[in-house]
């Protein structure tokens, strides 16, 4: 398990990643239910797509503050930082 924090404006996201089946939960909800807009879902998932790890890493996230767009960007930063902890070559 790898953990990292991301911030954007007033939003803060704390992320834990583990090897798994590709599940992505934010505050206990599936990512699409929480963020509700496809552009925000894509932004939050982007680090996994770039690292070609989508479907192989489970992400659990707690976020608060700001709006949904700021939270999505904070999640993106936190996931990126956690992936770099997992594999510094990324």
N, C-alpha and C. Protein backbone atom coordinates (compact mmCIF):
# COMPACT_ATOMS: atom_id res chain seq x y z
N UNK A 1 0.84 -1.18 0.00
CA UNK A 1 0.00 0.00 0.00
C UNK A 1 0.89 1.24 0.00
N UNK A 2 0.52 2.19 -0.83
CA UNK A 2 1.23 3.46 -0.92
C UNK A 2 0.21 4.57 -0.71
N UNK A 3 0.62 5.61 0.01
CA UNK A 3 -0.30 6.71 0.33
C UNK A 3 0.35 8.04 -0.04
N UNK A 4 -0.51 9.00 -0.42
CA UNK A 4 -0.02 10.33 -0.77
C UNK A 4 -1.16 11.32 -0.61
N UNK A 5 -0.79 12.59 -0.52
CA UNK A 5 -1.75 13.68 -0.39
C UNK A 5 -1.58 14.64 -1.55
N UNK A 6 -2.70 15.14 -2.06
CA UNK A 6 -2.68 16.15 -3.10
C UNK A 6 -3.57 17.32 -2.71
N UNK A 7 -3.18 18.50 -3.13
CA UNK A 7 -3.97 19.71 -2.84
C UNK A 7 -4.15 20.52 -4.11
N UNK A 8 -5.32 21.16 -4.19
CA UNK A 8 -5.62 22.07 -5.30
C UNK A 8 -6.61 23.08 -4.77
N UNK A 9 -6.23 24.34 -4.79
CA UNK A 9 -7.07 25.40 -4.23
C UNK A 9 -7.43 25.03 -2.78
N UNK A 10 -8.70 24.89 -2.48
CA UNK A 10 -9.13 24.54 -1.12
C UNK A 10 -9.33 23.04 -0.93
N UNK A 11 -9.19 22.27 -2.00
CA UNK A 11 -9.45 20.83 -1.95
C UNK A 11 -8.20 20.06 -1.49
N UNK A 12 -8.45 19.04 -0.68
CA UNK A 12 -7.39 18.15 -0.20
C UNK A 12 -7.83 16.72 -0.46
N UNK A 13 -6.93 15.91 -1.00
CA UNK A 13 -7.23 14.50 -1.26
C UNK A 13 -6.14 13.63 -0.65
N UNK A 14 -6.55 12.61 0.08
CA UNK A 14 -5.63 11.62 0.64
C UNK A 14 -5.94 10.29 -0.04
N UNK A 15 -4.91 9.73 -0.67
CA UNK A 15 -5.10 8.55 -1.53
C UNK A 15 -4.25 7.39 -1.03
N UNK A 16 -4.82 6.19 -1.12
CA UNK A 16 -4.08 4.96 -0.88
C UNK A 16 -4.24 4.08 -2.12
N UNK A 17 -3.12 3.57 -2.64
CA UNK A 17 -3.20 2.67 -3.78
C UNK A 17 -2.63 1.31 -3.39
N UNK A 18 -3.25 0.28 -3.93
CA UNK A 18 -2.82 -1.10 -3.71
C UNK A 18 -3.01 -1.87 -5.00
N UNK A 19 -2.22 -2.93 -5.22
CA UNK A 19 -2.47 -3.78 -6.37
C UNK A 19 -3.88 -4.38 -6.26
N UNK A 20 -4.59 -4.44 -7.36
CA UNK A 20 -5.95 -4.97 -7.31
C UNK A 20 -6.59 -5.08 -8.67
N UNK A 21 -7.89 -4.85 -8.72
CA UNK A 21 -8.70 -5.06 -9.92
C UNK A 21 -9.08 -3.77 -10.63
N UNK A 22 -8.62 -2.64 -10.15
CA UNK A 22 -8.94 -1.38 -10.81
C UNK A 22 -10.09 -0.62 -10.18
N UNK A 23 -10.45 -0.96 -8.96
CA UNK A 23 -11.54 -0.24 -8.28
C UNK A 23 -11.04 1.14 -7.86
N UNK A 24 -11.91 2.15 -7.98
CA UNK A 24 -11.56 3.53 -7.66
C UNK A 24 -12.70 4.12 -6.85
N UNK A 25 -12.48 4.32 -5.54
CA UNK A 25 -13.53 4.83 -4.65
C UNK A 25 -13.12 6.16 -4.04
N UNK A 26 -14.07 7.08 -3.99
CA UNK A 26 -13.84 8.39 -3.38
C UNK A 26 -14.89 8.56 -2.29
N UNK A 27 -14.44 8.78 -1.07
CA UNK A 27 -15.33 8.93 0.08
C UNK A 27 -16.37 7.81 0.15
N UNK A 28 -15.94 6.60 -0.18
CA UNK A 28 -16.82 5.43 -0.09
C UNK A 28 -17.72 5.19 -1.28
N UNK A 29 -17.69 6.07 -2.28
CA UNK A 29 -18.53 5.92 -3.48
C UNK A 29 -17.67 5.61 -4.69
N UNK A 30 -18.23 4.92 -5.68
CA UNK A 30 -17.50 4.75 -6.94
C UNK A 30 -17.19 6.12 -7.55
N UNK A 31 -16.07 6.21 -8.26
CA UNK A 31 -15.59 7.49 -8.79
C UNK A 31 -16.64 8.21 -9.64
N UNK A 32 -17.34 7.49 -10.50
CA UNK A 32 -18.33 8.14 -11.38
C UNK A 32 -19.53 8.66 -10.60
N UNK A 33 -19.89 7.98 -9.51
CA UNK A 33 -21.00 8.46 -8.68
C UNK A 33 -20.61 9.71 -7.90
N UNK A 34 -19.35 9.78 -7.47
CA UNK A 34 -18.93 10.91 -6.66
C UNK A 34 -18.66 12.16 -7.52
N UNK A 35 -17.87 12.01 -8.58
CA UNK A 35 -17.50 13.18 -9.39
C UNK A 35 -18.58 13.58 -10.38
N UNK A 36 -19.37 12.64 -10.87
CA UNK A 36 -20.57 12.85 -11.69
C UNK A 36 -20.34 13.39 -13.09
N UNK A 37 -19.19 13.99 -13.39
CA UNK A 37 -18.92 14.48 -14.74
C UNK A 37 -17.79 13.67 -15.34
N UNK A 38 -17.97 13.23 -16.57
CA UNK A 38 -16.99 12.37 -17.22
C UNK A 38 -15.63 13.05 -17.34
N UNK A 39 -15.61 14.36 -17.57
CA UNK A 39 -14.32 15.07 -17.68
C UNK A 39 -13.55 15.01 -16.36
N UNK A 40 -14.26 15.10 -15.24
CA UNK A 40 -13.60 15.04 -13.94
C UNK A 40 -13.12 13.62 -13.64
N UNK A 41 -13.92 12.63 -14.02
CA UNK A 41 -13.53 11.22 -13.84
C UNK A 41 -12.26 10.95 -14.64
N UNK A 42 -12.22 11.42 -15.89
CA UNK A 42 -11.04 11.23 -16.73
C UNK A 42 -9.81 11.91 -16.13
N UNK A 43 -10.00 13.11 -15.60
CA UNK A 43 -8.88 13.84 -14.99
C UNK A 43 -8.31 13.08 -13.80
N UNK A 44 -9.17 12.54 -12.96
CA UNK A 44 -8.71 11.81 -11.78
C UNK A 44 -8.03 10.49 -12.15
N UNK A 45 -8.50 9.85 -13.22
CA UNK A 45 -7.92 8.56 -13.65
C UNK A 45 -6.68 8.73 -14.53
N UNK A 46 -6.40 9.92 -14.99
CA UNK A 46 -5.33 10.14 -15.96
C UNK A 46 -3.97 9.57 -15.55
N UNK A 47 -3.51 9.73 -14.30
CA UNK A 47 -2.20 9.16 -13.96
C UNK A 47 -2.13 7.64 -14.16
N UNK A 48 -3.23 6.95 -13.90
CA UNK A 48 -3.24 5.50 -14.10
C UNK A 48 -3.17 5.16 -15.59
N UNK A 49 -3.83 5.97 -16.42
CA UNK A 49 -3.79 5.76 -17.86
C UNK A 49 -2.39 6.00 -18.41
N UNK A 50 -1.75 7.07 -17.97
CA UNK A 50 -0.41 7.41 -18.45
C UNK A 50 0.60 6.33 -18.04
N UNK A 51 0.47 5.82 -16.83
CA UNK A 51 1.37 4.78 -16.33
C UNK A 51 1.00 3.38 -16.84
N UNK A 52 -0.10 3.28 -17.59
CA UNK A 52 -0.60 2.02 -18.13
C UNK A 52 -0.86 1.01 -17.02
N UNK A 53 -1.45 1.49 -15.92
CA UNK A 53 -1.77 0.63 -14.78
C UNK A 53 -3.27 0.57 -14.51
N UNK A 54 -4.07 1.13 -15.39
CA UNK A 54 -5.52 1.12 -15.20
C UNK A 54 -6.01 -0.33 -15.21
N UNK A 55 -6.81 -0.69 -14.23
CA UNK A 55 -7.31 -2.06 -14.13
C UNK A 55 -6.44 -2.96 -13.29
N UNK A 56 -5.27 -2.45 -12.85
CA UNK A 56 -4.37 -3.26 -12.03
C UNK A 56 -4.10 -2.65 -10.66
N UNK A 57 -4.59 -1.43 -10.44
CA UNK A 57 -4.37 -0.72 -9.18
C UNK A 57 -5.72 -0.30 -8.60
N UNK A 58 -5.93 -0.59 -7.31
CA UNK A 58 -7.12 -0.11 -6.60
C UNK A 58 -6.77 1.21 -5.92
N UNK A 59 -7.69 2.17 -5.99
CA UNK A 59 -7.48 3.49 -5.40
C UNK A 59 -8.60 3.75 -4.40
N UNK A 60 -8.21 4.12 -3.19
CA UNK A 60 -9.16 4.54 -2.17
C UNK A 60 -8.80 5.97 -1.78
N UNK A 61 -9.80 6.85 -1.81
CA UNK A 61 -9.52 8.27 -1.62
C UNK A 61 -10.50 8.90 -0.64
N UNK A 62 -9.98 9.77 0.20
CA UNK A 62 -10.80 10.63 1.05
C UNK A 62 -10.50 12.06 0.61
N UNK A 63 -11.53 12.81 0.33
CA UNK A 63 -11.32 14.19 -0.12
C UNK A 63 -12.33 15.11 0.55
N UNK A 64 -11.93 16.36 0.70
CA UNK A 64 -12.83 17.37 1.25
C UNK A 64 -12.36 18.75 0.80
N UNK A 65 -13.22 19.74 1.00
CA UNK A 65 -12.90 21.11 0.66
C UNK A 65 -13.05 21.40 -0.82
N UNK A 66 -13.26 22.65 -1.16
CA UNK A 66 -13.34 23.06 -2.55
C UNK A 66 -14.54 22.48 -3.28
N UNK A 67 -14.49 22.56 -4.59
CA UNK A 67 -15.54 22.00 -5.43
C UNK A 67 -15.09 20.71 -6.06
N UNK A 68 -15.95 20.15 -6.88
CA UNK A 68 -15.65 18.86 -7.51
C UNK A 68 -14.43 18.94 -8.43
N UNK A 69 -14.29 20.04 -9.18
CA UNK A 69 -13.16 20.18 -10.10
C UNK A 69 -11.84 20.26 -9.32
N UNK A 70 -11.82 21.03 -8.26
CA UNK A 70 -10.63 21.12 -7.43
C UNK A 70 -10.30 19.78 -6.79
N UNK A 71 -11.32 19.06 -6.36
CA UNK A 71 -11.11 17.75 -5.76
C UNK A 71 -10.55 16.77 -6.78
N UNK A 72 -11.06 16.81 -8.00
CA UNK A 72 -10.56 15.92 -9.05
C UNK A 72 -9.08 16.19 -9.33
N UNK A 73 -8.69 17.47 -9.36
CA UNK A 73 -7.28 17.81 -9.58
C UNK A 73 -6.42 17.39 -8.39
N UNK A 74 -6.93 17.54 -7.18
CA UNK A 74 -6.19 17.11 -5.99
C UNK A 74 -6.02 15.59 -6.00
N UNK A 75 -7.05 14.87 -6.42
CA UNK A 75 -6.96 13.42 -6.52
C UNK A 75 -5.92 13.02 -7.56
N UNK A 76 -5.93 13.71 -8.70
CA UNK A 76 -4.95 13.42 -9.76
C UNK A 76 -3.53 13.57 -9.23
N UNK A 77 -3.26 14.65 -8.50
CA UNK A 77 -1.93 14.88 -7.94
C UNK A 77 -1.57 13.82 -6.92
N UNK A 78 -2.50 13.47 -6.04
CA UNK A 78 -2.24 12.46 -5.02
C UNK A 78 -1.97 11.09 -5.64
N UNK A 79 -2.75 10.72 -6.65
CA UNK A 79 -2.52 9.42 -7.32
C UNK A 79 -1.16 9.42 -7.99
N UNK A 80 -0.80 10.53 -8.63
CA UNK A 80 0.52 10.63 -9.27
C UNK A 80 1.64 10.44 -8.26
N UNK A 81 1.51 11.10 -7.12
CA UNK A 81 2.55 10.99 -6.09
C UNK A 81 2.63 9.57 -5.54
N UNK A 82 1.51 8.92 -5.35
CA UNK A 82 1.50 7.55 -4.83
C UNK A 82 2.13 6.59 -5.85
N UNK A 83 1.85 6.81 -7.14
CA UNK A 83 2.44 5.95 -8.17
C UNK A 83 3.95 6.12 -8.22
N UNK A 84 4.44 7.32 -8.03
CA UNK A 84 5.89 7.56 -8.02
C UNK A 84 6.53 6.89 -6.80
N UNK A 85 5.83 6.87 -5.67
CA UNK A 85 6.33 6.14 -4.51
C UNK A 85 6.43 4.65 -4.82
N UNK A 86 5.43 4.13 -5.52
CA UNK A 86 5.39 2.73 -5.86
C UNK A 86 6.51 2.37 -6.84
N UNK A 87 6.72 3.23 -7.84
CA UNK A 87 7.73 2.99 -8.85
C UNK A 87 8.39 4.32 -9.24
N UNK A 88 9.56 4.63 -8.69
CA UNK A 88 10.21 5.92 -8.98
C UNK A 88 10.52 6.15 -10.46
N UNK A 89 10.55 5.09 -11.27
CA UNK A 89 10.82 5.24 -12.70
C UNK A 89 9.67 5.88 -13.46
N UNK A 90 8.50 5.94 -12.83
CA UNK A 90 7.35 6.56 -13.49
C UNK A 90 7.53 8.06 -13.52
